[in-house]
Amino acid sequence: MGRIVAQYELMPESTDVVLEDVNAAIPKALPAGVEMIDTKILPVAFGLMKIVLGIIIDDSVESIGTILEDALRNLPGIENVECISSALL
């Protein structure tokens, strides 16, 4: 198999969520075979912000995408997780 570079959007439950705290929790939440390479906090609209997460995924682990998305959804304050881009390395 190979490695995949991907970007995920993490949307908070509300404007009250402290995204810096969520950002700090991401590395501990990532499953084995996933490496964080970048995070950015970007505006969406009306004061709502989102996290854009850049990662490298070892796709030799079966169902790694589902495992990863479940781990990200379980972060406190995160309502929605979406893969916005991916490509083979």
PDB file of N, CA and C in Angstrom:
ATOM      1  N   MET A   1       0.837  -1.179   0.000  1.00  0.00           N
ATOM      2  CA  MET A   1       0.000   0.000   0.000  1.00  0.00           C
ATOM      3  C   MET A   1       0.878   1.238   0.000  1.00  0.00           C
ATOM      4  N   GLY A   2       0.312   2.375   0.384  1.00  0.00           N
ATOM      5  CA  GLY A   2       1.071   3.608   0.328  1.00  0.00           C
ATOM      6  C   GLY A   2       0.677   4.589   1.405  1.00  0.00           C
ATOM      7  N   ARG A   3       1.009   5.812   1.120  1.00  0.00           N
ATOM      8  CA  ARG A   3       0.681   6.884   2.058  1.00  0.00           C
ATOM      9  C   ARG A   3      -0.194   7.904   1.344  1.00  0.00           C
ATOM     10  N   ILE A   4      -1.080   8.482   2.102  1.00  0.00           N
ATOM     11  CA  ILE A   4      -2.029   9.451   1.582  1.00  0.00           C
ATOM     12  C   ILE A   4      -1.851  10.760   2.342  1.00  0.00           C
ATOM     13  N   VAL A   5      -1.832  11.862   1.624  1.00  0.00           N
ATOM     14  CA  VAL A   5      -1.875  13.168   2.260  1.00  0.00           C
ATOM     15  C   VAL A   5      -3.319  13.648   2.145  1.00  0.00           C
ATOM     16  N   ALA A   6      -3.868  14.151   3.252  1.00  0.00           N
ATOM     17  CA  ALA A   6      -5.277  14.542   3.255  1.00  0.00           C
ATOM     18  C   ALA A   6      -5.477  15.808   4.073  1.00  0.00           C
ATOM     19  N   GLN A   7      -6.571  16.494   3.757  1.00  0.00           N
ATOM     20  CA  GLN A   7      -6.983  17.656   4.522  1.00  0.00           C
ATOM     21  C   GLN A   7      -8.387  17.409   5.033  1.00  0.00           C
ATOM     22  N   TYR A   8      -8.583  17.697   6.312  1.00  0.00           N
ATOM     23  CA  TYR A   8      -9.885  17.547   6.935  1.00  0.00           C
ATOM     24  C   TYR A   8     -10.332  18.882   7.501  1.00  0.00           C
ATOM     25  N   GLU A   9     -11.635  19.133   7.414  1.00  0.00           N
ATOM     26  CA  GLU A   9     -12.253  20.299   8.028  1.00  0.00           C
ATOM     27  C   GLU A   9     -12.969  19.845   9.283  1.00  0.00           C
ATOM     28  N   LEU A  10     -12.691  20.495  10.394  1.00  0.00           N
ATOM     29  CA  LEU A  10     -13.350  20.202  11.655  1.00  0.00           C
ATOM     30  C   LEU A  10     -14.192  21.413  12.034  1.00  0.00           C
ATOM     31  N   MET A  11     -15.501  21.206  12.097  1.00  0.00           N
ATOM     32  CA  MET A  11     -16.420  22.291  12.422  1.00  0.00           C
ATOM     33  C   MET A  11     -16.857  22.180  13.878  1.00  0.00           C
ATOM     34  N   PRO A  12     -16.780  23.288  14.610  1.00  0.00           N
ATOM     35  CA  PRO A  12     -17.170  23.265  16.020  1.00  0.00           C
ATOM     36  C   PRO A  12     -18.686  23.273  16.195  1.00  0.00           C
ATOM     37  N   GLU A  13     -19.110  22.937  17.402  1.00  0.00           N
ATOM     38  CA  GLU A  13     -20.536  22.950  17.737  1.00  0.00           C
ATOM     39  C   GLU A  13     -21.095  24.365  17.762  1.00  0.00           C
ATOM     40  N   SER A  14     -20.262  25.340  18.154  1.00  0.00           N
ATOM     41  CA  SER A  14     -20.714  26.730  18.245  1.00  0.00           C
ATOM     42  C   SER A  14     -19.504  27.656  18.250  1.00  0.00           C
ATOM     43  N   THR A  15     -19.778  28.952  18.288  1.00  0.00           N
ATOM     44  CA  THR A  15     -18.703  29.946  18.357  1.00  0.00           C
ATOM     45  C   THR A  15     -18.044  29.962  19.733  1.00  0.00           C
ATOM     46  N   ASP A  16     -18.654  29.300  20.714  1.00  0.00           N
ATOM     47  CA  ASP A  16     -18.113  29.271  22.074  1.00  0.00           C
ATOM     48  C   ASP A  16     -16.976  28.266  22.245  1.00  0.00           C
ATOM     49  N   VAL A  17     -16.787  27.365  21.301  1.00  0.00           N
ATOM     50  CA  VAL A  17     -15.743  26.341  21.391  1.00  0.00           C
ATOM     51  C   VAL A  17     -14.375  27.013  21.209  1.00  0.00           C
ATOM     52  N   VAL A  18     -13.449  26.734  22.112  1.00  0.00           N
ATOM     53  CA  VAL A  18     -12.093  27.289  22.037  1.00  0.00           C
ATOM     54  C   VAL A  18     -11.278  26.368  21.122  1.00  0.00           C
ATOM     55  N   LEU A  19     -11.100  26.798  19.879  1.00  0.00           N
ATOM     56  CA  LEU A  19     -10.451  25.936  18.889  1.00  0.00           C
ATOM     57  C   LEU A  19      -8.968  25.710  19.181  1.00  0.00           C
ATOM     58  N   GLU A  20      -8.329  26.602  19.903  1.00  0.00           N
ATOM     59  CA  GLU A  20      -6.935  26.385  20.282  1.00  0.00           C
ATOM     60  C   GLU A  20      -6.820  25.157  21.188  1.00  0.00           C
ATOM     61  N   ASP A  21      -7.816  24.950  22.065  1.00  0.00           N
ATOM     62  CA  ASP A  21      -7.830  23.770  22.942  1.00  0.00           C
ATOM     63  C   ASP A  21      -8.068  22.499  22.121  1.00  0.00           C
ATOM     64  N   VAL A  22      -8.971  22.579  21.159  1.00  0.00           N
ATOM     65  CA  VAL A  22      -9.234  21.427  20.274  1.00  0.00           C
ATOM     66  C   VAL A  22      -7.967  21.101  19.495  1.00  0.00           C
ATOM     67  N   ASN A  23      -7.330  22.134  18.970  1.00  0.00           N
ATOM     68  CA  ASN A  23      -6.092  21.969  18.207  1.00  0.00           C
ATOM     69  C   ASN A  23      -5.030  21.239  19.031  1.00  0.00           C
ATOM     70  N   ALA A  24      -4.917  21.597  20.305  1.00  0.00           N
ATOM     71  CA  ALA A  24      -3.928  20.972  21.184  1.00  0.00           C
ATOM     72  C   ALA A  24      -4.250  19.500  21.451  1.00  0.00           C
ATOM     73  N   ALA A  25      -5.525  19.134  21.376  1.00  0.00           N
ATOM     74  CA  ALA A  25      -5.942  17.750  21.653  1.00  0.00           C
ATOM     75  C   ALA A  25      -5.811  16.830  20.437  1.00  0.00           C
ATOM     76  N   ILE A  26      -5.679  17.391  19.249  1.00  0.00           N
ATOM     77  CA  ILE A  26      -5.664  16.577  18.023  1.00  0.00           C
ATOM     78  C   ILE A  26      -4.541  15.546  18.011  1.00  0.00           C
ATOM     79  N   PRO A  27      -3.276  15.904  18.288  1.00  0.00           N
ATOM     80  CA  PRO A  27      -2.205  14.890  18.179  1.00  0.00           C
ATOM     81  C   PRO A  27      -2.436  13.657  19.056  1.00  0.00           C
ATOM     82  N   LYS A  28      -3.023  13.844  20.249  1.00  0.00           N
ATOM     83  CA  LYS A  28      -3.279  12.716  21.149  1.00  0.00           C
ATOM     84  C   LYS A  28      -4.439  11.857  20.657  1.00  0.00           C
ATOM     85  N   ALA A  29      -5.334  12.449  19.865  1.00  0.00           N
ATOM     86  CA  ALA A  29      -6.521  11.724  19.398  1.00  0.00           C
ATOM     87  C   ALA A  29      -6.266  10.914  18.126  1.00  0.00           C
ATOM     88  N   LEU A  30      -5.202  11.239  17.402  1.00  0.00           N
ATOM     89  CA  LEU A  30      -4.955  10.559  16.130  1.00  0.00           C
ATOM     90  C   LEU A  30      -4.572   9.094  16.336  1.00  0.00           C
ATOM     91  N   PRO A  31      -5.154   8.199  15.542  1.00  0.00           N
ATOM     92  CA  PRO A  31      -4.814   6.776  15.660  1.00  0.00           C
ATOM     93  C   PRO A  31      -3.416   6.487  15.102  1.00  0.00           C
ATOM     94  N   ALA A  32      -2.894   5.321  15.425  1.00  0.00           N
ATOM     95  CA  ALA A  32      -1.598   4.890  14.896  1.00  0.00           C
ATOM     96  C   ALA A  32      -1.669   4.860  13.377  1.00  0.00           C
ATOM     97  N   GLY A  33      -0.604   5.305  12.733  1.00  0.00           N
ATOM     98  CA  GLY A  33      -0.559   5.333  11.281  1.00  0.00           C
ATOM     99  C   GLY A  33      -0.991   6.666  10.688  1.00  0.00           C
ATOM    100  N   VAL A  34      -1.308   7.638  11.551  1.00  0.00           N
ATOM    101  CA  VAL A  34      -1.719   8.963  11.088  1.00  0.00           C
ATOM    102  C   VAL A  34      -0.786   9.995  11.711  1.00  0.00           C
ATOM    103  N   GLU A  35      -0.234  10.864  10.876  1.00  0.00           N
ATOM    104  CA  GLU A  35       0.719  11.885  11.319  1.00  0.00           C
ATOM    105  C   GLU A  35       0.183  13.269  10.952  1.00  0.00           C
ATOM    106  N   MET A  36       0.102  14.157  11.943  1.00  0.00           N
ATOM    107  CA  MET A  36      -0.357  15.521  11.701  1.00  0.00           C
ATOM    108  C   MET A  36       0.788  16.331  11.102  1.00  0.00           C
ATOM    109  N   ILE A  37       0.513  17.060  10.014  1.00  0.00           N
ATOM    110  CA  ILE A  37       1.554  17.889   9.408  1.00  0.00           C
ATOM    111  C   ILE A  37       1.243  19.377   9.491  1.00  0.00           C
ATOM    112  N   ASP A  38      -0.036  19.734   9.680  1.00  0.00           N
ATOM    113  CA  ASP A  38      -0.389  21.151   9.699  1.00  0.00           C
ATOM    114  C   ASP A  38      -1.793  21.334  10.246  1.00  0.00           C
ATOM    115  N   THR A  39      -2.013  22.440  10.951  1.00  0.00           N
ATOM    116  CA  THR A  39      -3.374  22.848  11.320  1.00  0.00           C
ATOM    117  C   THR A  39      -3.481  24.353  11.147  1.00  0.00           C
ATOM    118  N   LYS A  40      -4.670  24.767  10.767  1.00  0.00           N
ATOM    119  CA  LYS A  40      -4.965  26.192  10.645  1.00  0.00           C
ATOM    120  C   LYS A  40      -6.363  26.426  11.192  1.00  0.00           C
ATOM    121  N   ILE A  41      -6.539  27.558  11.842  1.00  0.00           N
ATOM    122  CA  ILE A  41      -7.867  27.984  12.269  1.00  0.00           C
ATOM    123  C   ILE A  41      -8.282  29.097  11.314  1.00  0.00           C
ATOM    124  N   LEU A  42      -9.383  28.862  10.593  1.00  0.00           N
ATOM    125  CA  LEU A  42      -9.825  29.782   9.549  1.00  0.00           C
ATOM    126  C   LEU A  42     -11.272  30.223   9.777  1.00  0.00           C
ATOM    127  N   PRO A  43     -11.614  31.430   9.341  1.00  0.00           N
ATOM    128  CA  PRO A  43     -12.997  31.901   9.492  1.00  0.00           C
ATOM    129  C   PRO A  43     -13.946  31.207   8.520  1.00  0.00           C
ATOM    130  N   VAL A  44     -15.196  31.036   8.980  1.00  0.00           N
ATOM    131  CA  VAL A  44     -16.257  30.484   8.129  1.00  0.00           C
ATOM    132  C   VAL A  44     -17.237  31.610   7.804  1.00  0.00           C
ATOM    133  N   ALA A  45     -17.973  32.070   8.827  1.00  0.00           N
ATOM    134  CA  ALA A  45     -18.924  33.173   8.665  1.00  0.00           C
ATOM    135  C   ALA A  45     -19.490  33.565  10.025  1.00  0.00           C
ATOM    136  N   PHE A  46     -19.838  34.835  10.170  1.00  0.00           N
ATOM    137  CA  PHE A  46     -20.525  35.334  11.361  1.00  0.00           C
ATOM    138  C   PHE A  46     -19.819  34.959  12.659  1.00  0.00           C
ATOM    139  N   GLY A  47     -18.484  35.023  12.669  1.00  0.00           N
ATOM    140  CA  GLY A  47     -17.710  34.727  13.865  1.00  0.00           C
ATOM    141  C   GLY A  47     -17.390  33.259  14.075  1.00  0.00           C
ATOM    142  N   LEU A  48     -17.953  32.385  13.266  1.00  0.00           N
ATOM    143  CA  LEU A  48     -17.664  30.953  13.379  1.00  0.00           C
ATOM    144  C   LEU A  48     -16.330  30.659  12.705  1.00  0.00           C
ATOM    145  N   MET A  49     -15.503  29.868  13.375  1.00  0.00           N
ATOM    146  CA  MET A  49     -14.203  29.474  12.847  1.00  0.00           C
ATOM    147  C   MET A  49     -14.193  27.958  12.668  1.00  0.00           C
ATOM    148  N   LYS A  50     -13.218  27.460  11.891  1.00  0.00           N
ATOM    149  CA  LYS A  50     -13.062  26.018  11.681  1.00  0.00           C
ATOM    150  C   LYS A  50     -11.582  25.682  11.744  1.00  0.00           C
ATOM    151  N   ILE A  51     -11.297  24.406  11.955  1.00  0.00           N
ATOM    152  CA  ILE A  51      -9.923  23.909  11.912  1.00  0.00           C
ATOM    153  C   ILE A  51      -9.744  23.166  10.593  1.00  0.00           C
ATOM    154  N   VAL A  52      -8.676  23.488   9.878  1.00  0.00           N
ATOM    155  CA  VAL A  52      -8.295  22.715   8.698  1.00  0.00           C
ATOM    156  C   VAL A  52      -7.037  21.945   9.093  1.00  0.00           C
ATOM    157  N   LEU A  53      -7.132  20.631   9.028  1.00  0.00           N
ATOM    158  CA  LEU A  53      -6.091  19.722   9.503  1.00  0.00           C
ATOM    159  C   LEU A  53      -5.425  19.027   8.327  1.00  0.00           C
ATOM    160  N   GLY A  54      -4.119  19.116   8.241  1.00  0.00           N
ATOM    161  CA  GLY A  54      -3.353  18.394   7.235  1.00  0.00           C
ATOM    162  C   GLY A  54      -2.699  17.178   7.870  1.00  0.00           C
ATOM    163  N   ILE A  55      -2.856  16.022   7.243  1.00  0.00           N
ATOM    164  CA  ILE A  55      -2.320  14.784   7.812  1.00  0.00           C
ATOM    165  C   ILE A  55      -1.745  13.885   6.727  1.00  0.00           C
ATOM    166  N   ILE A  56      -0.902  12.968   7.169  1.00  0.00           N
ATOM    167  CA  ILE A  56      -0.410  11.886   6.313  1.00  0.00           C
ATOM    168  C   ILE A  56      -0.922  10.583   6.912  1.00  0.00           C
ATOM    169  N   ILE A  57      -1.526   9.757   6.067  1.00  0.00           N
ATOM    170  CA  ILE A  57      -2.159   8.517   6.511  1.00  0.00           C
ATOM    171  C   ILE A  57      -1.440   7.331   5.886  1.00  0.00           C
ATOM    172  N   ASP A  58      -1.082   6.354   6.710  1.00  0.00           N
ATOM    173  CA  ASP A  58      -0.549   5.077   6.228  1.00  0.00           C
ATOM    174  C   ASP A  58      -1.758   4.200   5.932  1.00  0.00           C
ATOM    175  N   ASP A  59      -2.034   3.974   4.649  1.00  0.00           N
ATOM    176  CA  ASP A  59      -3.265   3.262   4.295  1.00  0.00           C
ATOM    177  C   ASP A  59      -3.145   1.739   4.366  1.00  0.00           C
ATOM    178  N   SER A  60      -2.075   1.233   4.964  1.00  0.00           N
ATOM    179  CA  SER A  60      -1.962  -0.218   5.124  1.00  0.00           C
ATOM    180  C   SER A  60      -2.861  -0.727   6.250  1.00  0.00           C
ATOM    181  N   VAL A  61      -3.343   0.180   7.096  1.00  0.00           N
ATOM    182  CA  VAL A  61      -4.262  -0.194   8.176  1.00  0.00           C
ATOM    183  C   VAL A  61      -5.679  -0.210   7.605  1.00  0.00           C
ATOM    184  N   GLU A  62      -6.336  -1.356   7.727  1.00  0.00           N
ATOM    185  CA  GLU A  62      -7.687  -1.492   7.195  1.00  0.00           C
ATOM    186  C   GLU A  62      -8.641  -0.542   7.924  1.00  0.00           C
ATOM    187  N   SER A  63      -9.509   0.103   7.202  1.00  0.00           N
ATOM    188  CA  SER A  63     -10.528   1.024   7.731  1.00  0.00           C
ATOM    189  C   SER A  63      -9.934   2.233   8.451  1.00  0.00           C
ATOM    190  N   ILE A  64      -8.719   2.646   8.095  1.00  0.00           N
ATOM    191  CA  ILE A  64      -8.079   3.763   8.783  1.00  0.00           C
ATOM    192  C   ILE A  64      -8.883   5.055   8.625  1.00  0.00           C
ATOM    193  N   GLY A  65      -9.549   5.239   7.486  1.00  0.00           N
ATOM    194  CA  GLY A  65     -10.352   6.450   7.280  1.00  0.00           C
ATOM    195  C   GLY A  65     -11.486   6.561   8.282  1.00  0.00           C
ATOM    196  N   THR A  66     -12.190   5.480   8.494  1.00  0.00           N
ATOM    197  CA  THR A  66     -13.294   5.457   9.457  1.00  0.00           C
ATOM    198  C   THR A  66     -12.778   5.655  10.872  1.00  0.00           C
ATOM    199  N   ILE A  67     -11.685   4.977  11.201  1.00  0.00           N
ATOM    200  CA  ILE A  67     -11.093   5.101  12.539  1.00  0.00           C
ATOM    201  C   ILE A  67     -10.665   6.550  12.792  1.00  0.00           C
ATOM    202  N   LEU A  68     -10.041   7.165  11.796  1.00  0.00           N
ATOM    203  CA  LEU A  68      -9.589   8.547  11.914  1.00  0.00           C
ATOM    204  C   LEU A  68     -10.768   9.500  12.097  1.00  0.00           C
ATOM    205  N   GLU A  69     -11.775   9.380  11.245  1.00  0.00           N
ATOM    206  CA  GLU A  69     -12.916  10.287  11.338  1.00  0.00           C
ATOM    207  C   GLU A  69     -13.663  10.127  12.655  1.00  0.00           C
ATOM    208  N   ASP A  70     -13.789   8.909  13.159  1.00  0.00           N
ATOM    209  CA  ASP A  70     -14.420   8.690  14.466  1.00  0.00           C
ATOM    210  C   ASP A  70     -13.608   9.366  15.570  1.00  0.00           C
ATOM    211  N   ALA A  71     -12.285   9.257  15.507  1.00  0.00           N
ATOM    212  CA  ALA A  71     -11.426   9.883  16.514  1.00  0.00           C
ATOM    213  C   ALA A  71     -11.565  11.406  16.485  1.00  0.00           C
ATOM    214  N   LEU A  72     -11.626  11.979  15.292  1.00  0.00           N
ATOM    215  CA  LEU A  72     -11.765  13.433  15.172  1.00  0.00           C
ATOM    216  C   LEU A  72     -13.143  13.898  15.633  1.00  0.00           C
ATOM    217  N   ARG A  73     -14.190  13.134  15.322  1.00  0.00           N
ATOM    218  CA  ARG A  73     -15.554  13.483  15.751  1.00  0.00           C
ATOM    219  C   ARG A  73     -15.700  13.429  17.263  1.00  0.00           C
ATOM    220  N   ASN A  74     -14.894  12.612  17.921  1.00  0.00           N
ATOM    221  CA  ASN A  74     -14.972  12.476  19.378  1.00  0.00           C
ATOM    222  C   ASN A  74     -14.210  13.563  20.122  1.00  0.00           C
ATOM    223  N   LEU A  75     -13.543  14.461  19.406  1.00  0.00           N
ATOM    224  CA  LEU A  75     -12.884  15.583  20.071  1.00  0.00           C
ATOM    225  C   LEU A  75     -13.951  16.478  20.697  1.00  0.00           C
ATOM    226  N   PRO A  76     -13.730  16.946  21.927  1.00  0.00           N
ATOM    227  CA  PRO A  76     -14.723  17.805  22.581  1.00  0.00           C
ATOM    228  C   PRO A  76     -14.966  19.085  21.777  1.00  0.00           C
ATOM    229  N   GLY A  77     -16.244  19.396  21.546  1.00  0.00           N
ATOM    230  CA  GLY A  77     -16.608  20.622  20.863  1.00  0.00           C
ATOM    231  C   GLY A  77     -16.705  20.512  19.353  1.00  0.00           C
ATOM    232  N   ILE A  78     -16.363  19.362  18.785  1.00  0.00           N
ATOM    233  CA  ILE A  78     -16.419  19.194  17.326  1.00  0.00           C
ATOM    234  C   ILE A  78     -17.739  18.541  16.937  1.00  0.00           C
ATOM    235  N   GLU A  79     -18.435  19.196  16.001  1.00  0.00           N
ATOM    236  CA  GLU A  79     -19.734  18.692  15.556  1.00  0.00           C
ATOM    237  C   GLU A  79     -19.644  17.915  14.246  1.00  0.00           C
ATOM    238  N   ASN A  80     -18.769  18.363  13.328  1.00  0.00           N
ATOM    239  CA  ASN A  80     -18.716  17.739  12.009  1.00  0.00           C
ATOM    240  C   ASN A  80     -17.271  17.639  11.523  1.00  0.00           C
ATOM    241  N   VAL A  81     -16.968  16.530  10.847  1.00  0.00           N
ATOM    242  CA  VAL A  81     -15.637  16.291  10.271  1.00  0.00           C
ATOM    243  C   VAL A  81     -15.835  15.908   8.813  1.00  0.00           C
ATOM    244  N   GLU A  82     -15.060  16.549   7.925  1.00  0.00           N
ATOM    245  CA  GLU A  82     -15.182  16.241   6.504  1.00  0.00           C
ATOM    246  C   GLU A  82     -13.810  16.251   5.843  1.00  0.00           C
ATOM    247  N   CYS A  83     -13.542  15.218   5.049  1.00  0.00           N
ATOM    248  CA  CYS A  83     -12.327  15.178   4.254  1.00  0.00           C
ATOM    249  C   CYS A  83     -12.554  16.076   3.043  1.00  0.00           C
ATOM    250  N   ILE A  84     -11.715  17.113   2.895  1.00  0.00           N
ATOM    251  CA  ILE A  84     -11.913  18.056   1.804  1.00  0.00           C
ATOM    252  C   ILE A  84     -10.948  17.824   0.639  1.00  0.00           C
ATOM    253  N   SER A  85      -9.868  17.044   0.895  1.00  0.00           N
ATOM    254  CA  SER A  85      -8.981  16.669  -0.194  1.00  0.00           C
ATOM    255  C   SER A  85      -8.092  15.518   0.245  1.00  0.00           C
ATOM    256  N   SER A  86      -7.675  14.717  -0.746  1.00  0.00           N
ATOM    257  CA  SER A  86      -6.736  13.626  -0.465  1.00  0.00           C
ATOM    258  C   SER A  86      -6.020  13.252  -1.760  1.00  0.00           C
ATOM    259  N   ALA A  87      -4.775  12.783  -1.606  1.00  0.00           N
ATOM    260  CA  ALA A  87      -3.978  12.370  -2.758  1.00  0.00           C
ATOM    261  C   ALA A  87      -2.932  11.376  -2.290  1.00  0.00           C
ATOM    262  N   LEU A  88      -2.570  10.471  -3.169  1.00  0.00           N
ATOM    263  CA  LEU A  88      -1.493   9.521  -2.874  1.00  0.00           C
ATOM    264  C   LEU A  88      -0.149  10.238  -2.894  1.00  0.00           C
ATOM    265  N   LEU A  89       0.726   9.844  -1.996  1.00  0.00           N
ATOM    266  CA  LEU A  89       2.092  10.390  -1.996  1.00  0.00           C
ATOM    267  C   LEU A  89       2.981   9.523  -2.848  1.00  0.00           C
TER     268      LEU A  89
END
